Amino acid sequence: MNSKRKLYCLILIFISLTFSSIHIHLDLGGINLKDNKNSIKLSNINPSNSHLLWKFTPNDLEDEYLCTIDMSSDGNYIVIGSYEPIPPYGGYIYILNNTSSEPEWSHYTGSNGKLRARTVAISADSNFIVAGCENGKIFLINRSNNFGFWSYLANGEVNVVAISDKGSYLIVRDRTGKIYLFNNSNSNPLWTYNTNSVIRDVAISSDGNYMVVSNQNGNIYLFNKTSSIPMWIFSAGNYVPDVAISFDGNFLVAGSGDQNIFLFSKSNSTPLWLYNMTSSCNVDISSDGTYIVARPSNTDKGIKVFSRFNSTPIWTSNISNEFYAISISSDGNYIAATNTNFNVYFFDRSNSSPIWHYTCATWALREVHLSARGEYLALIESRSALLFEMGYEDEVNNNGFENLIPFGNYFIIIFLFSVVYIAKNKMRKVKI
């Protein structure tokens, strides 16, 4: 076999190994392009395909209001909390899947006006649900284990809870100013901390390593799960109604009562930037911390979208009426917002004009949530919960690698052919 043929064969072998390894690596999940919710945009919402999947209304319509809702990352499970406005003043926790408005499971939290389910949260993987009640009772429900649960009684009303992606850690606040960190395996808190002021909001990173807390006195606290001593404390100067944290805890955002939005890095209590909204606001942040959405109070009508790299808004919506609730998809590509004109709006991050909207039966649109990639939207309108499918379609946008994958098998064949060809030539030489 001459040197030229050898060279050609070696080149063929190199190319074959390179591309077949890409093929194998992708197939085995080494690079999971379609499921990486923090990668570039892989989803495409077609508003014309959006539709209402179901509407859930409790059977005792006249005696029960829905007050809180949350949804798993994939949109497959929804948890709802309710209360009865008339005697016996009880409450329910409902767990539903996205295929039916009939609850898979429900639990009556109690009566006597102090056991209303005020707040709920579901882990991203949908296996764990945490609920807080007016009398301070906390429930942790294990959906994957026949809905078994434990409970704990806090010092006062529990109306804000948060849970990590796999449900391993949950943080809870009560009205007395105390926060509690739990591991899902035990109803005894890992630690507690008293802020000595009414706590307004809590948020937890996806892995449960970091927690951000805000209170009525205007303090923002960052904690690590290993200690009840704050990593740092920042004074915003006024009450802080809303906080949010990125999936890895590297970035956190807060909206204050003195009209400011603060963006922080976990490493420092000095804000990376701040922006004045001219009114108090609520905030949310994308999973990787790149995009922030803010909802002002009624003195400033438009919602605003920011990049973490700049305090100048990317855009401000021009929709009138006060916005009530906001949510940004984990990938940062889509935003949902409700307003006091009975409407829920759905935005593509790149455009200040909504690509879809729906008019509800009532203005009491208390909460709205998007799934990780924006393909599902869940909200509460007073006595009913609504789940929409947003016309989700896969969009190939992975730098062309998907086009290479089918050819991996061909390169493996070329590799085997080259090896056989070289072996035959060696055998010929030996015979000669």
Protein backbone atom coordinates (compact mmCIF):
# COMPACT_ATOMS: atom_id res chain seq x y z
CA MET A 1 0.00 0.00 0.00
CA ASN A 2 1.59 3.30 -1.07
CA SER A 3 1.93 6.34 1.18
CA LYS A 4 -0.83 8.28 -0.58
CA ARG A 5 -3.40 5.56 0.01
CA LYS A 6 -2.31 5.29 3.62
CA LEU A 7 -2.76 9.04 4.05
CA TYR A 8 -6.25 8.96 2.49
CA CYS A 9 -7.28 6.10 4.74
CA LEU A 10 -5.97 7.82 7.84
CA ILE A 11 -7.88 10.98 6.92
CA LEU A 12 -11.05 8.93 6.41
CA ILE A 13 -10.55 7.23 9.79
CA PHE A 14 -10.01 10.57 11.53
CA ILE A 15 -13.14 12.11 9.99
CA SER A 16 -15.18 9.01 10.77
CA LEU A 17 -14.11 8.89 14.40
CA THR A 18 -14.75 12.61 14.85
CA PHE A 19 -18.27 12.64 13.46
CA SER A 20 -19.32 9.26 14.81
CA SER A 21 -18.21 10.39 18.27
CA ILE A 22 -20.37 13.49 17.90
CA HIS A 23 -23.26 11.25 16.88
CA ILE A 24 -22.78 8.87 19.81
CA HIS A 25 -22.19 11.66 22.31
CA LEU A 26 -25.38 13.43 21.30
CA ASP A 27 -27.45 10.26 21.29
CA LEU A 28 -26.29 9.28 24.76
CA GLY A 29 -27.16 12.66 26.22
CA GLY A 30 -23.64 14.07 26.46
CA ILE A 31 -25.08 17.17 24.83
CA ASN A 32 -28.81 17.34 25.39
CA LEU A 33 -29.71 20.20 23.10
CA LYS A 34 -33.47 19.88 23.16
CA ASP A 35 -33.79 19.58 26.91
CA ASN A 36 -31.32 22.27 27.92
CA LYS A 37 -33.71 24.98 29.05
CA ASN A 38 -30.86 27.45 29.57
CA SER A 39 -29.51 27.16 26.02
CA ILE A 40 -30.45 29.40 23.14
CA LYS A 41 -34.05 29.42 22.03
CA LEU A 42 -35.24 25.92 21.22
CA SER A 43 -38.98 26.53 21.42
CA ASN A 44 -41.37 28.33 19.15
CA ILE A 45 -44.81 29.45 20.25
CA ASN A 46 -47.46 29.61 17.56
CA PRO A 47 -50.27 31.74 19.04
CA SER A 48 -52.79 30.49 16.49
CA ASN A 49 -52.46 27.01 18.03
CA SER A 50 -52.92 28.19 21.63
CA HIS A 51 -55.97 26.84 23.41
CA LEU A 52 -57.55 26.29 26.80
CA LEU A 53 -56.76 22.76 28.01
CA TRP A 54 -59.08 22.89 30.99
CA LYS A 55 -60.86 25.05 33.54
CA PHE A 56 -61.05 23.80 37.12
CA THR A 57 -63.81 25.04 39.42
CA PRO A 58 -64.39 23.37 42.81
CA ASN A 59 -67.72 21.61 43.20
CA ASP A 60 -68.85 23.90 46.02
CA LEU A 61 -68.51 27.00 43.82
CA GLU A 62 -70.37 29.35 46.14
CA ASP A 63 -68.29 28.40 49.17
CA GLU A 64 -64.73 28.29 47.89
CA TYR A 65 -62.21 30.70 46.38
CA LEU A 66 -58.93 29.73 44.75
CA CYS A 67 -56.10 31.85 46.09
CA THR A 68 -52.79 30.35 44.95
CA ILE A 69 -51.41 28.21 42.11
CA ASP A 70 -48.09 26.78 40.93
CA MET A 71 -46.92 24.53 38.09
CA SER A 72 -44.09 22.04 37.57
CA SER A 73 -41.28 22.94 35.19
CA ASP A 74 -42.62 20.75 32.36
CA GLY A 75 -46.20 21.91 32.88
CA ASN A 76 -47.42 18.39 33.59
CA TYR A 77 -48.66 19.06 37.14
CA ILE A 78 -50.50 21.95 38.74
CA VAL A 79 -51.11 22.55 42.45
CA ILE A 80 -53.84 24.86 43.75
CA GLY A 81 -54.73 26.20 47.20
CA SER A 82 -58.20 27.42 48.21
CA TYR A 83 -60.19 28.83 51.10
CA GLU A 84 -63.82 29.02 52.18
CA PRO A 85 -65.02 32.62 52.78
CA ILE A 86 -67.94 31.45 54.92
CA PRO A 87 -68.13 29.00 57.85
CA PRO A 88 -66.40 26.66 58.47
CA TYR A 89 -63.64 28.81 56.84
CA GLY A 90 -61.53 25.88 55.75
CA GLY A 91 -59.32 25.24 52.77
CA TYR A 92 -58.18 22.65 50.24
CA ILE A 93 -55.03 21.62 48.40
CA TYR A 94 -55.60 20.23 44.90
CA ILE A 95 -53.14 18.45 42.61
CA LEU A 96 -54.04 18.10 38.93
CA ASN A 97 -52.24 16.99 35.78
CA ASN A 98 -52.40 18.82 32.48
CA THR A 99 -54.69 16.26 30.82
CA SER A 100 -57.74 16.66 33.07
CA SER A 101 -59.52 19.20 35.25
CA GLU A 102 -60.37 16.38 37.66
CA PRO A 103 -57.91 16.51 40.61
CA GLU A 104 -55.62 13.51 41.06
CA TRP A 105 -55.55 14.27 44.77
CA SER A 106 -57.08 16.74 47.21
CA HIS A 107 -56.72 17.39 50.91
CA TYR A 108 -58.94 19.36 53.27
CA THR A 109 -56.56 21.41 55.39
CA GLY A 110 -59.09 22.08 58.15
CA SER A 111 -61.65 24.60 59.33
CA ASN A 112 -62.26 27.24 62.02
CA GLY A 113 -60.90 30.01 59.82
CA LYS A 114 -57.23 29.28 60.47
CA LEU A 115 -56.41 26.45 58.12
CA ARG A 116 -56.97 28.12 54.77
CA ALA A 117 -54.34 27.11 52.19
CA ARG A 118 -52.71 30.50 51.58
CA THR A 119 -49.68 29.51 49.50
CA VAL A 120 -48.42 26.52 47.50
CA ALA A 121 -45.31 25.58 45.53
CA ILE A 122 -44.38 22.50 43.50
CA SER A 123 -40.88 21.25 42.78
CA ALA A 124 -39.71 21.54 39.17
CA ASP A 125 -39.74 17.73 38.85
CA SER A 126 -43.33 17.67 40.25
CA ASN A 127 -42.56 15.14 42.99
CA PHE A 128 -42.96 17.42 46.02
CA ILE A 129 -45.55 20.04 46.96
CA VAL A 130 -45.37 22.44 49.89
CA ALA A 131 -48.37 24.36 51.22
CA GLY A 132 -48.71 26.96 53.96
CA CYS A 133 -51.86 27.72 55.96
CA GLU A 134 -53.27 30.64 57.88
CA ASN A 135 -52.75 29.03 61.27
CA GLY A 136 -49.05 28.39 60.57
CA LYS A 137 -49.38 24.79 59.47
CA ILE A 138 -46.97 23.64 56.75
CA PHE A 139 -47.63 20.55 54.62
CA LEU A 140 -45.03 18.75 52.51
CA ILE A 141 -46.66 16.30 50.09
CA ASN A 142 -44.74 13.59 48.24
CA ARG A 143 -46.66 13.04 44.99
CA SER A 144 -44.33 10.25 43.88
CA ASN A 145 -44.96 8.27 47.08
CA ASN A 146 -48.75 7.90 47.16
CA PHE A 147 -49.19 11.51 48.26
CA GLY A 148 -47.76 10.85 51.69
CA PHE A 149 -46.99 13.98 53.67
CA TRP A 150 -45.68 15.47 56.87
CA SER A 151 -46.73 18.69 58.58
CA TYR A 152 -45.17 21.27 60.87
CA LEU A 153 -46.71 24.11 62.88
CA ALA A 154 -44.92 27.46 62.54
CA ASN A 155 -45.33 30.44 64.88
CA GLY A 156 -47.81 32.33 62.70
CA GLU A 157 -49.61 32.51 59.36
CA VAL A 158 -47.59 30.99 56.51
CA ASN A 159 -48.30 32.73 53.22
CA VAL A 160 -45.04 32.45 51.29
CA VAL A 161 -43.21 29.18 50.51
CA ALA A 162 -40.54 28.13 48.00
CA ILE A 163 -39.07 24.75 47.06
CA SER A 164 -35.94 23.63 45.19
CA ASP A 165 -36.16 21.90 41.81
CA LYS A 166 -36.01 18.33 43.15
CA GLY A 167 -37.90 19.17 46.31
CA SER A 168 -34.91 18.50 48.55
CA TYR A 169 -35.13 21.85 50.33
CA LEU A 170 -37.97 24.20 51.14
CA ILE A 171 -38.00 27.62 52.74
CA VAL A 172 -41.03 29.02 54.53
CA ARG A 173 -41.81 32.31 56.22
CA ASP A 174 -44.41 33.17 58.81
CA ARG A 175 -46.01 36.50 59.68
CA THR A 176 -43.90 36.92 62.80
CA GLY A 177 -40.73 37.51 60.77
CA LYS A 178 -39.30 34.03 61.11
CA ILE A 179 -38.00 31.85 58.27
CA TYR A 180 -37.60 28.07 58.34
CA LEU A 181 -35.41 25.87 56.15
CA PHE A 182 -36.39 22.20 55.81
CA ASN A 183 -35.04 19.12 54.14
CA ASN A 184 -37.87 17.09 52.63
CA SER A 185 -36.96 14.02 54.68
CA ASN A 186 -37.75 15.58 58.05
CA SER A 187 -40.40 17.89 59.49
CA ASN A 188 -37.88 19.39 61.91
CA PRO A 189 -36.30 22.58 60.47
CA LEU A 190 -32.61 22.47 59.55
CA TRP A 191 -32.45 26.00 60.92
CA THR A 192 -34.56 29.08 61.61
CA TYR A 193 -33.83 32.80 61.50
CA ASN A 194 -35.81 35.75 62.85
CA THR A 195 -35.70 39.00 60.85
CA ASN A 196 -37.76 40.83 63.51
CA SER A 197 -40.07 42.20 60.83
CA VAL A 198 -42.87 40.85 58.67
CA ILE A 199 -41.31 38.87 55.83
CA ARG A 200 -42.64 39.82 52.41
CA ASP A 201 -41.11 37.20 50.11
CA VAL A 202 -38.70 34.26 49.82
CA ALA A 203 -37.05 32.49 46.88
CA ILE A 204 -34.71 29.51 46.58
CA SER A 205 -32.16 28.46 43.95
CA SER A 206 -32.81 25.34 41.89
CA ASP A 207 -30.34 23.20 43.84
CA GLY A 208 -31.51 24.57 47.18
CA ASN A 209 -28.09 25.99 48.07
CA TYR A 210 -29.13 29.65 48.25
CA MET A 211 -32.17 31.51 49.57
CA VAL A 212 -33.12 35.17 49.30
CA VAL A 213 -35.54 36.76 51.78
CA SER A 214 -37.09 40.24 51.99
CA ASN A 215 -39.01 41.94 54.77
CA GLN A 216 -41.19 44.90 55.66
CA ASN A 217 -38.25 46.86 57.09
CA GLY A 218 -36.61 46.93 53.66
CA ASN A 219 -33.92 44.34 54.29
CA ILE A 220 -32.81 41.78 51.73
CA TYR A 221 -31.03 38.68 53.09
CA LEU A 222 -29.01 36.07 51.23
CA PHE A 223 -28.51 32.69 52.93
CA ASN A 224 -26.60 29.53 52.21
CA LYS A 225 -28.39 26.32 53.21
CA THR A 226 -25.52 25.37 55.52
CA SER A 227 -26.03 28.25 57.95
CA SER A 228 -28.73 30.43 59.47
CA ILE A 229 -26.27 33.34 59.48
CA PRO A 230 -26.90 35.51 56.38
CA MET A 231 -24.13 35.68 53.79
CA TRP A 232 -25.03 39.36 53.52
CA ILE A 233 -27.81 41.84 54.25
CA PHE A 234 -28.76 44.85 52.13
CA SER A 235 -31.06 47.68 53.25
CA ALA A 236 -33.29 48.90 50.43
CA GLY A 237 -34.71 51.74 52.51
CA ASN A 238 -38.33 50.64 52.13
CA TYR A 239 -40.35 47.43 52.23
CA VAL A 240 -39.41 44.85 49.58
CA PRO A 241 -42.52 43.02 48.30
CA ASP A 242 -40.86 40.70 45.81
CA VAL A 243 -37.59 38.81 45.23
CA ALA A 244 -36.40 36.21 42.70
CA ILE A 245 -33.20 34.21 42.24
CA SER A 246 -31.48 32.49 39.30
CA PHE A 247 -31.24 28.69 39.15
CA ASP A 248 -27.64 28.62 40.45
CA GLY A 249 -28.12 31.43 42.96
CA ASN A 250 -25.58 33.65 41.21
CA PHE A 251 -28.05 36.47 40.56
CA LEU A 252 -30.98 37.82 42.53
CA VAL A 253 -33.41 40.63 41.86
CA ALA A 254 -35.65 42.58 44.23
CA GLY A 255 -38.41 45.13 43.80
CA SER A 256 -38.84 47.68 46.58
CA GLY A 257 -41.60 49.89 47.89
CA ASP A 258 -39.53 52.99 47.19
CA GLN A 259 -39.83 52.28 43.47
CA ASN A 260 -36.45 50.64 42.81
CA ILE A 261 -35.39 47.41 41.16
CA PHE A 262 -32.11 46.02 42.50
CA LEU A 263 -29.98 43.40 40.77
CA PHE A 264 -27.34 41.62 42.86
CA SER A 265 -24.63 39.05 42.48
CA LYS A 266 -24.54 36.53 45.30
CA SER A 267 -20.93 37.49 46.00
CA ASN A 268 -21.70 41.07 47.06
CA SER A 269 -24.46 43.07 48.74
CA THR A 270 -23.68 46.07 46.53
CA PRO A 271 -26.22 46.10 43.67
CA LEU A 272 -24.90 45.47 40.17
CA TRP A 273 -27.43 48.08 39.12
CA LEU A 274 -30.70 49.66 40.17
CA TYR A 275 -33.57 51.16 38.21
CA ASN A 276 -36.29 53.52 39.42
CA MET A 277 -39.77 52.42 38.37
CA THR A 278 -41.64 55.48 39.78
CA SER A 279 -43.77 52.97 41.74
CA SER A 280 -43.37 49.80 43.80
CA CYS A 281 -43.00 46.65 41.75
CA ASN A 282 -42.93 42.89 41.47
CA VAL A 283 -40.13 41.04 39.68
CA ASP A 284 -39.16 37.72 38.13
CA ILE A 285 -35.90 36.42 36.63
CA SER A 286 -34.99 33.83 33.99
CA SER A 287 -33.31 30.63 35.10
CA ASP A 288 -29.80 31.74 34.07
CA GLY A 289 -30.28 35.25 35.44
CA THR A 290 -29.96 36.93 32.04
CA TYR A 291 -33.44 38.46 31.81
CA ILE A 292 -35.59 40.28 34.37
CA VAL A 293 -39.23 41.30 34.11
CA ALA A 294 -40.83 43.88 36.40
CA ARG A 295 -44.45 44.80 37.07
CA PRO A 296 -45.07 48.29 38.46
CA SER A 297 -47.98 49.34 40.63
CA ASN A 298 -50.87 51.38 39.26
CA THR A 299 -48.91 54.65 38.96
CA ASP A 300 -46.78 53.20 36.15
CA LYS A 301 -48.74 51.17 33.62
CA GLY A 302 -46.22 49.21 31.56
CA ILE A 303 -44.28 46.08 32.42
CA LYS A 304 -40.55 46.27 31.67
CA VAL A 305 -37.98 43.74 30.51
CA PHE A 306 -34.28 44.09 31.37
CA SER A 307 -31.01 42.35 30.65
CA ARG A 308 -28.77 41.79 33.64
CA PHE A 309 -26.01 43.57 31.72
CA ASN A 310 -27.82 46.91 31.59
CA SER A 311 -30.26 48.81 33.79
CA THR A 312 -31.92 50.37 30.73
CA PRO A 313 -35.11 48.44 29.88
CA ILE A 314 -35.03 46.39 26.69
CA TRP A 315 -38.65 47.41 26.26
CA THR A 316 -41.71 48.71 28.07
CA SER A 317 -45.18 47.49 27.14
CA ASN A 318 -47.71 50.12 26.12
CA ILE A 319 -50.78 48.27 27.39
CA SER A 320 -53.04 50.34 29.63
CA ASN A 321 -54.51 49.27 32.96
CA GLU A 322 -52.61 48.12 36.01
CA PHE A 323 -50.82 44.79 35.74
CA TYR A 324 -51.51 42.33 38.51
CA ALA A 325 -49.14 39.36 38.14
CA ILE A 326 -46.13 38.44 35.98
CA SER A 327 -44.06 35.37 35.13
CA ILE A 328 -41.06 34.72 32.87
CA SER A 329 -40.29 31.29 31.45
CA SER A 330 -37.13 29.66 32.79
CA ASP A 331 -35.43 30.01 29.40
CA GLY A 332 -36.26 33.74 29.41
CA ASN A 333 -37.98 33.63 26.03
CA TYR A 334 -41.59 34.26 27.07
CA ILE A 335 -43.44 36.45 29.55
CA ALA A 336 -46.99 36.24 30.89
CA ALA A 337 -48.81 39.08 32.62
CA THR A 338 -52.33 39.70 33.90
CA ASN A 339 -53.98 43.08 34.33
CA THR A 340 -57.04 44.56 36.00
CA ASN A 341 -58.90 44.69 32.69
CA PHE A 342 -59.60 40.91 32.92
CA ASN A 343 -56.82 40.07 30.43
CA VAL A 344 -53.84 37.75 30.45
CA TYR A 345 -51.11 38.64 27.94
CA PHE A 346 -48.35 36.52 26.47
CA PHE A 347 -45.18 38.18 25.15
CA ASP A 348 -42.18 37.03 23.20
CA ARG A 349 -39.18 38.55 24.96
CA SER A 350 -38.07 40.23 21.74
CA ASN A 351 -41.25 42.29 21.32
CA SER A 352 -43.17 44.69 23.57
CA SER A 353 -46.45 43.85 21.82
CA PRO A 354 -48.17 40.69 23.09
CA ILE A 355 -48.40 37.79 20.65
CA TRP A 356 -51.51 36.42 22.39
CA HIS A 357 -54.09 37.45 24.95
CA TYR A 358 -57.17 36.00 26.61
CA THR A 359 -60.03 37.80 28.34
CA CYS A 360 -61.09 36.17 31.60
CA ALA A 361 -64.43 36.27 33.37
CA THR A 362 -63.17 38.29 36.32
CA TRP A 363 -60.45 40.81 37.16
CA ALA A 364 -59.20 38.85 40.19
CA LEU A 365 -56.27 37.29 38.30
CA ARG A 366 -54.18 36.66 41.38
CA GLU A 367 -51.33 34.56 40.00
CA VAL A 368 -49.92 33.48 36.64
CA HIS A 369 -47.20 30.90 35.94
CA LEU A 370 -45.34 29.70 32.85
CA SER A 371 -43.67 26.34 32.36
CA ALA A 372 -39.90 26.29 31.81
CA ARG A 373 -40.09 26.82 28.05
CA GLY A 374 -43.37 28.71 27.98
CA GLU A 375 -45.47 25.96 26.42
CA TYR A 376 -48.02 26.00 29.28
CA LEU A 377 -49.63 28.90 31.13
CA ALA A 378 -51.61 28.52 34.37
CA LEU A 379 -53.57 31.19 36.23
CA ILE A 380 -56.29 31.80 38.78
CA GLU A 381 -59.37 33.89 38.09
CA SER A 382 -61.11 34.14 41.46
CA ARG A 383 -63.04 30.85 41.73
CA SER A 384 -61.49 28.96 38.82
CA ALA A 385 -58.07 27.86 37.60
CA LEU A 386 -57.23 27.87 33.89
CA LEU A 387 -54.54 25.94 32.02
CA PHE A 388 -53.53 26.88 28.48
CA GLU A 389 -51.31 25.14 25.98
CA MET A 390 -49.49 27.87 24.10
CA GLY A 391 -49.13 26.22 20.69
CA TYR A 392 -45.65 24.93 21.43
CA GLU A 393 -43.46 23.62 18.61
CA ASP A 394 -39.82 22.49 18.55
CA GLU A 395 -37.50 24.80 16.68
CA VAL A 396 -34.09 23.60 15.52
CA ASN A 397 -31.58 26.24 16.54
CA ASN A 398 -28.42 24.49 17.63
CA ASN A 399 -25.73 25.76 15.26
CA GLY A 400 -26.41 23.03 12.71
CA PHE A 401 -25.40 20.07 14.89
CA GLU A 402 -28.79 18.45 14.45
CA ASN A 403 -28.10 18.13 10.73
CA LEU A 404 -24.87 16.26 11.49
CA ILE A 405 -26.42 13.69 13.79
CA PRO A 406 -28.11 11.46 11.15
CA PHE A 407 -24.80 11.15 9.27
CA GLY A 408 -22.99 9.64 12.25
CA ASN A 409 -23.87 6.11 11.19
CA TYR A 410 -22.45 6.70 7.70
CA PHE A 411 -19.12 7.81 9.13
CA ILE A 412 -18.99 4.69 11.29
CA ILE A 413 -19.42 2.61 8.10
CA ILE A 414 -16.63 4.57 6.38
CA PHE A 415 -14.39 3.97 9.39
CA LEU A 416 -14.99 0.20 9.29
CA PHE A 417 -14.44 0.10 5.52
CA SER A 418 -11.11 1.94 5.92
CA VAL A 419 -9.91 -0.48 8.61
CA VAL A 420 -10.81 -3.50 6.45
CA TYR A 421 -9.11 -1.93 3.42
CA ILE A 422 -5.85 -1.36 5.34
CA ALA A 423 -5.95 -4.88 6.80
CA LYS A 424 -6.38 -6.46 3.35
CA ASN A 425 -3.43 -4.53 1.96
CA LYS A 426 -1.25 -5.65 4.87
CA MET A 427 -2.22 -9.26 4.23
CA ARG A 428 -1.26 -8.89 0.56
CA LYS A 429 2.18 -7.61 1.58
CA VAL A 430 2.71 -10.57 3.90
CA LYS A 431 1.81 -13.07 1.14
CA ILE A 432 4.25 -11.44 -1.28
